[in-house]
């Protein structure tokens, strides 16, 4: 069962197309896990090394990657959805206290409590960093809502050139 055996669950993200629920746990053994959404079974740890406070996690549905930020190791990392091919995009020399993370198109966005900012970089190579500052105190969440980010939503944009449209 998903509800048992967790010390300090922190972040959660869903992958409805693949029937997975992912979450992070800050407990005595910090980790990122997944289980099937449909029945809660098949629970497995996908990342368990070099983690302390995995604050935020996000899924890149287009490239089938999972991204996470760790506020203790001060890293932004990504891997395949099964945890393999792990890669550090930014380390502690350029990341200070990340809290939340999301992915949109070719960018990864995160909040930083120490910098009081929202930051974003290229999701492939960690380059082209942009910082957004302005009257934020410990920004806790960053979210992007767009139709193309909602897998399986069944929402389609229809462009009509006539003056009448019927459904």
Foldseek 3Di string as FASTA:
>chain_A
DVPPDADAKAEWDDDVVVQKIWTWGQPPFTFIWMAGNVPRPPIDTQDGPPAHAFAEWEADVVVQKIWTAGQPQQWIWIAHVSNPPIDTLDTCVPGHGWHYWYDDDQKIWTAHQVVLWIKIAGNPRNDDIDTDHDPGHRDHYDDDDDPVVDPPPPDDDDDDDDPDDDD
